[in-house]
Amino acid sequence: MSRLQRFLRLSSATRRLLLAGGLVVFFVRILLWVLSFKRLVWLVERTALRSARLAPVHLAEEKNRDIAWAVTTAARYVLRSRCLTQALAAQWLFAWFGRPTLLRIGVAKADDEALVAHAWLESDGCVILGEEALEAEEYAVLPLPSPWTRS
């Protein structure tokens, strides 16, 4: 079965979510190329603050999985969309739906003593995107720059 056939067999709501995920992943990837990381975090947090003021929403666990699936699936088709791009895109989508999330970036030493980094997304103390890489390594979480202060 071709990708197009699989896509067309999805429900219309799932297709819309996958397309939204793809657009956000693509948009975030471009913004990571042209904006500073601090500025992009500011944009995402601004969206989250605006959504939280309107009406914070507690999404069903199934909807959380659907959003994470849409972002990770769409990221396969966007050049260089690794964990940071996916985490920021998912954070933006969750903010759009009114779900507060926390971006985490960590580093760990690999078996060959090289440093490896990973970005993931948490909500209510649980990892909602990027969990698979966390199981392999113990990451030291880095503090993120506050987008609300001048540097």
N, C-alpha and C. Protein backbone atom coordinates (compact mmCIF):
# COMPACT_ATOMS: atom_id res chain seq x y z
N MET A 1 0.85 -1.17 0.00
CA MET A 1 0.00 0.00 0.00
C MET A 1 0.90 1.24 0.00
N SER A 2 0.61 2.20 -0.85
CA SER A 2 1.44 3.40 -0.96
C SER A 2 1.16 4.35 0.21
N ARG A 3 2.05 5.28 0.39
CA ARG A 3 1.89 6.27 1.46
C ARG A 3 0.61 7.08 1.25
N LEU A 4 0.34 7.42 0.02
CA LEU A 4 -0.86 8.19 -0.27
C LEU A 4 -2.11 7.39 0.09
N GLN A 5 -2.13 6.12 -0.25
CA GLN A 5 -3.28 5.27 0.08
C GLN A 5 -3.45 5.17 1.60
N ARG A 6 -2.32 4.99 2.32
CA ARG A 6 -2.40 4.93 3.79
C ARG A 6 -2.92 6.24 4.35
N PHE A 7 -2.44 7.35 3.79
CA PHE A 7 -2.89 8.67 4.25
C PHE A 7 -4.39 8.84 4.02
N LEU A 8 -4.87 8.44 2.85
CA LEU A 8 -6.28 8.59 2.53
C LEU A 8 -7.18 7.68 3.35
N ARG A 9 -6.63 6.60 3.87
CA ARG A 9 -7.41 5.68 4.70
C ARG A 9 -7.57 6.19 6.13
N LEU A 10 -6.79 7.20 6.51
CA LEU A 10 -6.92 7.79 7.85
C LEU A 10 -8.24 8.55 7.95
N SER A 11 -8.72 8.71 9.17
CA SER A 11 -9.93 9.52 9.35
C SER A 11 -9.61 10.97 8.99
N SER A 12 -10.63 11.74 8.70
CA SER A 12 -10.40 13.13 8.30
C SER A 12 -9.75 13.93 9.44
N ALA A 13 -10.13 13.65 10.68
CA ALA A 13 -9.53 14.35 11.82
C ALA A 13 -8.05 14.00 11.95
N THR A 14 -7.70 12.74 11.72
CA THR A 14 -6.30 12.32 11.80
C THR A 14 -5.50 12.92 10.65
N ARG A 15 -6.08 12.98 9.47
CA ARG A 15 -5.40 13.61 8.33
C ARG A 15 -5.13 15.09 8.61
N ARG A 16 -6.13 15.78 9.16
CA ARG A 16 -5.94 17.20 9.48
C ARG A 16 -4.84 17.39 10.52
N LEU A 17 -4.82 16.53 11.53
CA LEU A 17 -3.79 16.62 12.57
C LEU A 17 -2.41 16.34 11.99
N LEU A 18 -2.31 15.36 11.11
CA LEU A 18 -1.03 15.03 10.47
C LEU A 18 -0.57 16.18 9.58
N LEU A 19 -1.46 16.78 8.84
CA LEU A 19 -1.11 17.94 8.01
C LEU A 19 -0.69 19.13 8.87
N ALA A 20 -1.41 19.37 9.96
CA ALA A 20 -1.03 20.45 10.88
C ALA A 20 0.34 20.17 11.48
N GLY A 21 0.57 18.91 11.86
CA GLY A 21 1.88 18.53 12.39
C GLY A 21 2.98 18.78 11.38
N GLY A 22 2.73 18.42 10.13
CA GLY A 22 3.71 18.63 9.08
C GLY A 22 4.01 20.10 8.84
N LEU A 23 2.97 20.92 8.83
CA LEU A 23 3.18 22.36 8.64
C LEU A 23 3.97 22.97 9.79
N VAL A 24 3.64 22.58 11.01
CA VAL A 24 4.34 23.14 12.17
C VAL A 24 5.79 22.66 12.20
N VAL A 25 6.03 21.39 11.91
CA VAL A 25 7.41 20.88 11.87
C VAL A 25 8.21 21.63 10.81
N PHE A 26 7.64 21.79 9.63
CA PHE A 26 8.31 22.52 8.55
C PHE A 26 8.60 23.97 8.96
N PHE A 27 7.62 24.62 9.55
CA PHE A 27 7.75 26.00 9.98
C PHE A 27 8.82 26.14 11.07
N VAL A 28 8.81 25.25 12.05
CA VAL A 28 9.82 25.29 13.12
C VAL A 28 11.21 25.03 12.55
N ARG A 29 11.33 24.10 11.62
CA ARG A 29 12.64 23.82 11.02
C ARG A 29 13.20 25.06 10.33
N ILE A 30 12.35 25.77 9.59
CA ILE A 30 12.80 27.00 8.94
C ILE A 30 13.17 28.05 9.98
N LEU A 31 12.34 28.19 11.02
CA LEU A 31 12.63 29.18 12.05
C LEU A 31 13.93 28.88 12.80
N LEU A 32 14.26 27.60 12.97
CA LEU A 32 15.53 27.26 13.62
C LEU A 32 16.72 27.68 12.75
N TRP A 33 16.53 27.74 11.46
CA TRP A 33 17.60 28.19 10.57
C TRP A 33 17.76 29.71 10.59
N VAL A 34 16.65 30.44 10.75
CA VAL A 34 16.72 31.90 10.59
C VAL A 34 16.65 32.70 11.89
N LEU A 35 16.14 32.12 12.95
CA LEU A 35 16.03 32.82 14.23
C LEU A 35 16.99 32.24 15.25
N SER A 36 17.27 33.02 16.26
CA SER A 36 18.03 32.47 17.38
C SER A 36 17.13 31.51 18.14
N PHE A 37 17.75 30.59 18.85
CA PHE A 37 16.99 29.62 19.64
C PHE A 37 16.15 30.36 20.68
N LYS A 38 16.73 31.37 21.31
CA LYS A 38 16.03 32.14 22.34
C LYS A 38 14.77 32.80 21.77
N ARG A 39 14.88 33.35 20.58
CA ARG A 39 13.74 34.01 19.94
C ARG A 39 12.64 33.01 19.59
N LEU A 40 13.03 31.83 19.13
CA LEU A 40 12.04 30.81 18.79
C LEU A 40 11.33 30.31 20.05
N VAL A 41 12.08 30.11 21.13
CA VAL A 41 11.45 29.72 22.40
C VAL A 41 10.47 30.79 22.84
N TRP A 42 10.83 32.05 22.64
CA TRP A 42 9.93 33.15 22.99
C TRP A 42 8.63 33.05 22.20
N LEU A 43 8.72 32.78 20.89
CA LEU A 43 7.52 32.65 20.06
C LEU A 43 6.62 31.51 20.54
N VAL A 44 7.23 30.38 20.83
CA VAL A 44 6.45 29.22 21.28
C VAL A 44 5.81 29.51 22.63
N GLU A 45 6.58 30.10 23.56
CA GLU A 45 6.02 30.40 24.88
C GLU A 45 4.93 31.46 24.80
N ARG A 46 5.08 32.40 23.89
CA ARG A 46 4.04 33.42 23.71
C ARG A 46 2.74 32.76 23.26
N THR A 47 2.83 31.83 22.34
CA THR A 47 1.65 31.08 21.91
C THR A 47 1.04 30.32 23.08
N ALA A 48 1.90 29.71 23.88
CA ALA A 48 1.41 28.95 25.04
C ALA A 48 0.72 29.85 26.04
N LEU A 49 1.29 31.02 26.32
CA LEU A 49 0.67 31.95 27.26
C LEU A 49 -0.67 32.45 26.75
N ARG A 50 -0.74 32.74 25.46
CA ARG A 50 -1.99 33.21 24.88
C ARG A 50 -3.06 32.12 24.97
N SER A 51 -2.69 30.87 24.68
CA SER A 51 -3.65 29.76 24.76
C SER A 51 -4.08 29.52 26.19
N ALA A 52 -3.14 29.62 27.14
CA ALA A 52 -3.48 29.38 28.54
C ALA A 52 -4.46 30.44 29.06
N ARG A 53 -4.33 31.65 28.57
CA ARG A 53 -5.25 32.71 29.00
C ARG A 53 -6.65 32.46 28.47
N LEU A 54 -6.74 31.91 27.27
CA LEU A 54 -8.06 31.67 26.69
C LEU A 54 -8.80 30.59 27.46
N ALA A 55 -8.22 29.43 27.57
CA ALA A 55 -8.84 28.34 28.32
C ALA A 55 -7.90 27.15 28.33
N PRO A 56 -7.23 26.90 29.45
CA PRO A 56 -6.37 25.72 29.49
C PRO A 56 -7.21 24.45 29.34
N VAL A 57 -6.70 23.54 28.58
CA VAL A 57 -7.45 22.33 28.26
C VAL A 57 -6.67 21.12 28.79
N HIS A 58 -7.38 20.18 29.33
CA HIS A 58 -6.76 18.91 29.72
C HIS A 58 -7.13 17.90 28.65
N LEU A 59 -6.17 17.61 27.79
CA LEU A 59 -6.42 16.70 26.68
C LEU A 59 -6.43 15.27 27.17
N ALA A 60 -7.22 14.47 26.52
CA ALA A 60 -7.25 13.04 26.82
C ALA A 60 -5.90 12.43 26.42
N GLU A 61 -5.52 11.39 27.11
CA GLU A 61 -4.25 10.72 26.83
C GLU A 61 -4.15 10.31 25.36
N GLU A 62 -5.25 9.89 24.79
CA GLU A 62 -5.26 9.49 23.38
C GLU A 62 -4.92 10.68 22.47
N LYS A 63 -5.43 11.86 22.79
CA LYS A 63 -5.14 13.06 21.99
C LYS A 63 -3.66 13.43 22.13
N ASN A 64 -3.09 13.27 23.32
CA ASN A 64 -1.66 13.52 23.51
C ASN A 64 -0.84 12.61 22.60
N ARG A 65 -1.18 11.35 22.58
CA ARG A 65 -0.47 10.39 21.71
C ARG A 65 -0.65 10.75 20.24
N ASP A 66 -1.85 11.18 19.87
CA ASP A 66 -2.12 11.55 18.48
C ASP A 66 -1.26 12.73 18.04
N ILE A 67 -1.14 13.74 18.90
CA ILE A 67 -0.32 14.91 18.56
C ILE A 67 1.14 14.51 18.45
N ALA A 68 1.64 13.74 19.40
CA ALA A 68 3.04 13.28 19.35
C ALA A 68 3.27 12.44 18.09
N TRP A 69 2.33 11.55 17.77
CA TRP A 69 2.44 10.73 16.56
C TRP A 69 2.48 11.60 15.31
N ALA A 70 1.60 12.60 15.24
CA ALA A 70 1.54 13.46 14.06
C ALA A 70 2.86 14.20 13.86
N VAL A 71 3.45 14.68 14.93
CA VAL A 71 4.72 15.42 14.82
C VAL A 71 5.84 14.48 14.40
N THR A 72 5.98 13.33 15.05
CA THR A 72 7.08 12.43 14.72
C THR A 72 6.92 11.84 13.32
N THR A 73 5.69 11.58 12.91
CA THR A 73 5.46 11.06 11.56
C THR A 73 5.78 12.11 10.51
N ALA A 74 5.29 13.31 10.72
CA ALA A 74 5.54 14.39 9.76
C ALA A 74 7.03 14.74 9.69
N ALA A 75 7.73 14.62 10.81
CA ALA A 75 9.16 14.98 10.84
C ALA A 75 10.00 14.08 9.94
N ARG A 76 9.52 12.89 9.64
CA ARG A 76 10.25 12.00 8.73
C ARG A 76 10.38 12.58 7.32
N TYR A 77 9.50 13.52 6.98
CA TYR A 77 9.46 14.07 5.64
C TYR A 77 10.00 15.50 5.55
N VAL A 78 10.51 16.02 6.67
CA VAL A 78 11.07 17.37 6.69
C VAL A 78 12.57 17.24 6.98
N LEU A 79 13.37 17.79 6.11
CA LEU A 79 14.82 17.71 6.21
C LEU A 79 15.33 18.18 7.57
N ARG A 80 16.19 17.37 8.18
CA ARG A 80 16.87 17.69 9.45
C ARG A 80 15.93 17.95 10.61
N SER A 81 14.82 17.27 10.65
CA SER A 81 13.86 17.45 11.74
C SER A 81 14.11 16.42 12.82
N ARG A 82 15.08 16.72 13.63
CA ARG A 82 15.45 15.80 14.71
C ARG A 82 14.71 16.17 15.98
N CYS A 83 15.23 15.73 17.10
CA CYS A 83 14.50 15.84 18.37
C CYS A 83 14.16 17.27 18.76
N LEU A 84 15.06 18.22 18.55
CA LEU A 84 14.77 19.61 18.94
C LEU A 84 13.63 20.18 18.10
N THR A 85 13.69 19.97 16.81
CA THR A 85 12.61 20.43 15.93
C THR A 85 11.29 19.80 16.32
N GLN A 86 11.31 18.51 16.58
CA GLN A 86 10.08 17.81 16.94
C GLN A 86 9.53 18.30 18.28
N ALA A 87 10.41 18.49 19.26
CA ALA A 87 9.96 18.94 20.58
C ALA A 87 9.36 20.34 20.50
N LEU A 88 10.00 21.24 19.77
CA LEU A 88 9.46 22.59 19.63
C LEU A 88 8.14 22.59 18.84
N ALA A 89 8.08 21.79 17.79
CA ALA A 89 6.84 21.72 17.00
C ALA A 89 5.69 21.15 17.85
N ALA A 90 5.99 20.10 18.59
CA ALA A 90 4.95 19.51 19.45
C ALA A 90 4.54 20.49 20.55
N GLN A 91 5.51 21.22 21.10
CA GLN A 91 5.18 22.20 22.12
C GLN A 91 4.24 23.26 21.55
N TRP A 92 4.49 23.66 20.32
CA TRP A 92 3.63 24.64 19.66
C TRP A 92 2.22 24.08 19.44
N LEU A 93 2.15 22.85 18.98
CA LEU A 93 0.83 22.24 18.76
C LEU A 93 0.08 22.04 20.08
N PHE A 94 0.78 21.57 21.10
CA PHE A 94 0.12 21.41 22.39
C PHE A 94 -0.36 22.76 22.92
N ALA A 95 0.44 23.81 22.73
CA ALA A 95 0.03 25.15 23.15
C ALA A 95 -1.22 25.59 22.39
N TRP A 96 -1.26 25.25 21.12
CA TRP A 96 -2.41 25.58 20.29
C TRP A 96 -3.68 24.93 20.85
N PHE A 97 -3.53 23.71 21.36
CA PHE A 97 -4.66 23.01 21.96
C PHE A 97 -4.87 23.38 23.42
N GLY A 98 -4.00 24.26 23.97
CA GLY A 98 -4.16 24.72 25.34
C GLY A 98 -3.51 23.85 26.39
N ARG A 99 -2.63 22.94 25.98
CA ARG A 99 -1.98 22.04 26.94
C ARG A 99 -0.60 22.59 27.31
N PRO A 100 -0.36 22.90 28.58
CA PRO A 100 0.96 23.40 28.97
C PRO A 100 2.01 22.28 28.91
N THR A 101 3.18 22.61 28.38
CA THR A 101 4.26 21.64 28.27
C THR A 101 5.57 22.31 28.67
N LEU A 102 6.57 21.49 28.87
CA LEU A 102 7.89 21.97 29.26
C LEU A 102 8.94 21.34 28.35
N LEU A 103 9.69 22.18 27.66
CA LEU A 103 10.77 21.71 26.79
C LEU A 103 11.97 21.38 27.66
N ARG A 104 12.55 20.22 27.44
CA ARG A 104 13.76 19.79 28.15
C ARG A 104 14.84 19.47 27.14
N ILE A 105 16.05 19.90 27.44
CA ILE A 105 17.22 19.55 26.64
C ILE A 105 18.26 19.02 27.60
N GLY A 106 18.81 17.86 27.27
CA GLY A 106 19.80 17.25 28.14
C GLY A 106 20.99 16.72 27.38
N VAL A 107 22.07 16.47 28.10
CA VAL A 107 23.27 15.89 27.53
C VAL A 107 23.67 14.68 28.36
N ALA A 108 24.34 13.74 27.71
CA ALA A 108 24.83 12.53 28.37
C ALA A 108 26.08 12.08 27.66
N LYS A 109 26.85 11.24 28.35
CA LYS A 109 28.03 10.64 27.73
C LYS A 109 27.63 9.30 27.13
N ALA A 110 28.00 9.12 25.88
CA ALA A 110 27.75 7.84 25.21
C ALA A 110 28.82 6.85 25.63
N ASP A 111 28.69 5.62 25.19
CA ASP A 111 29.65 4.58 25.53
C ASP A 111 31.06 4.92 25.08
N ASP A 112 31.19 5.63 23.97
CA ASP A 112 32.50 6.00 23.45
C ASP A 112 33.00 7.33 24.03
N GLU A 113 32.39 7.78 25.13
CA GLU A 113 32.76 9.01 25.84
C GLU A 113 32.40 10.29 25.10
N ALA A 114 31.72 10.19 23.96
CA ALA A 114 31.26 11.38 23.25
C ALA A 114 30.00 11.91 23.93
N LEU A 115 29.80 13.20 23.85
CA LEU A 115 28.59 13.79 24.39
C LEU A 115 27.45 13.65 23.38
N VAL A 116 26.30 13.27 23.88
CA VAL A 116 25.10 13.22 23.05
C VAL A 116 24.05 14.12 23.69
N ALA A 117 23.25 14.74 22.86
CA ALA A 117 22.21 15.64 23.35
C ALA A 117 20.85 15.13 22.88
N HIS A 118 19.83 15.50 23.64
CA HIS A 118 18.47 15.10 23.28
C HIS A 118 17.49 16.15 23.80
N ALA A 119 16.45 16.38 23.04
CA ALA A 119 15.37 17.29 23.45
C ALA A 119 14.09 16.47 23.57
N TRP A 120 13.31 16.76 24.59
CA TRP A 120 12.05 16.07 24.78
C TRP A 120 11.05 17.03 25.39
N LEU A 121 9.81 16.59 25.48
CA LEU A 121 8.72 17.42 25.96
C LEU A 121 8.03 16.72 27.12
N GLU A 122 7.78 17.49 28.18
CA GLU A 122 7.09 16.96 29.35
C GLU A 122 5.82 17.76 29.61
N SER A 123 4.87 17.09 30.25
CA SER A 123 3.65 17.74 30.71
C SER A 123 3.16 16.99 31.94
N ASP A 124 2.84 17.72 32.96
CA ASP A 124 2.39 17.13 34.22
C ASP A 124 3.37 16.09 34.74
N GLY A 125 4.66 16.34 34.56
CA GLY A 125 5.69 15.45 35.07
C GLY A 125 5.93 14.19 34.26
N CYS A 126 5.26 14.06 33.12
CA CYS A 126 5.43 12.88 32.27
C CYS A 126 6.00 13.28 30.91
N VAL A 127 6.83 12.43 30.36
CA VAL A 127 7.37 12.67 29.02
C VAL A 127 6.29 12.35 28.01
N ILE A 128 6.00 13.32 27.14
CA ILE A 128 4.96 13.09 26.14
C ILE A 128 5.52 13.04 24.72
N LEU A 129 6.80 13.37 24.54
CA LEU A 129 7.45 13.26 23.24
C LEU A 129 8.95 13.10 23.46
N GLY A 130 9.55 12.11 22.81
CA GLY A 130 10.99 11.90 22.90
C GLY A 130 11.43 10.92 23.95
N GLU A 131 10.51 10.13 24.45
CA GLU A 131 10.80 9.20 25.54
C GLU A 131 11.74 8.06 25.13
N GLU A 132 11.67 7.63 23.87
CA GLU A 132 12.45 6.46 23.45
C GLU A 132 13.94 6.66 23.66
N ALA A 133 14.47 7.85 23.44
CA ALA A 133 15.90 8.09 23.61
C ALA A 133 16.27 8.23 25.08
N LEU A 134 15.32 8.61 25.91
CA LEU A 134 15.60 8.78 27.33
C LEU A 134 15.87 7.46 28.02
N GLU A 135 15.31 6.38 27.49
CA GLU A 135 15.49 5.07 28.10
C GLU A 135 16.91 4.56 27.92
N ALA A 136 17.61 5.02 26.89
CA ALA A 136 18.95 4.53 26.59
C ALA A 136 20.03 5.25 27.38
N GLU A 137 19.82 6.48 27.75
CA GLU A 137 20.84 7.30 28.39
C GLU A 137 20.28 8.01 29.62
N GLU A 138 21.18 8.41 30.51
CA GLU A 138 20.84 9.28 31.63
C GLU A 138 21.26 10.69 31.26
N TYR A 139 20.32 11.55 30.99
CA TYR A 139 20.61 12.89 30.54
C TYR A 139 20.63 13.87 31.71
N ALA A 140 21.61 14.76 31.69
CA ALA A 140 21.65 15.88 32.62
C ALA A 140 20.91 17.02 31.93
N VAL A 141 19.86 17.50 32.57
CA VAL A 141 19.02 18.53 31.97
C VAL A 141 19.72 19.88 32.04
N LEU A 142 19.76 20.56 30.90
CA LEU A 142 20.38 21.88 30.82
C LEU A 142 19.34 22.95 31.12
N PRO A 143 19.76 24.03 31.77
CA PRO A 143 18.81 25.15 31.95
C PRO A 143 18.63 25.88 30.63
N LEU A 144 17.40 26.20 30.31
CA LEU A 144 17.13 26.93 29.08
C LEU A 144 17.20 28.42 29.33
N PRO A 145 17.67 29.18 28.35
CA PRO A 145 17.68 30.64 28.53
C PRO A 145 16.26 31.16 28.59
N SER A 146 16.04 32.10 29.47
CA SER A 146 14.71 32.69 29.56
C SER A 146 14.50 33.62 28.37
N PRO A 147 13.45 33.40 27.62
CA PRO A 147 13.20 34.27 26.46
C PRO A 147 12.69 35.64 26.88
N TRP A 148 12.39 35.81 28.16
CA TRP A 148 11.78 37.05 28.63
C TRP A 148 12.82 38.01 29.20
N THR A 149 14.09 37.64 29.24
CA THR A 149 15.14 38.53 29.73
C THR A 149 16.10 38.86 28.62
N ARG A 150 16.70 40.00 28.73
CA ARG A 150 17.72 40.39 27.73
C ARG A 150 19.05 39.78 28.11
N SER A 151 19.82 39.40 27.08
CA SER A 151 21.14 38.84 27.36
C SER A 151 22.22 39.76 26.85
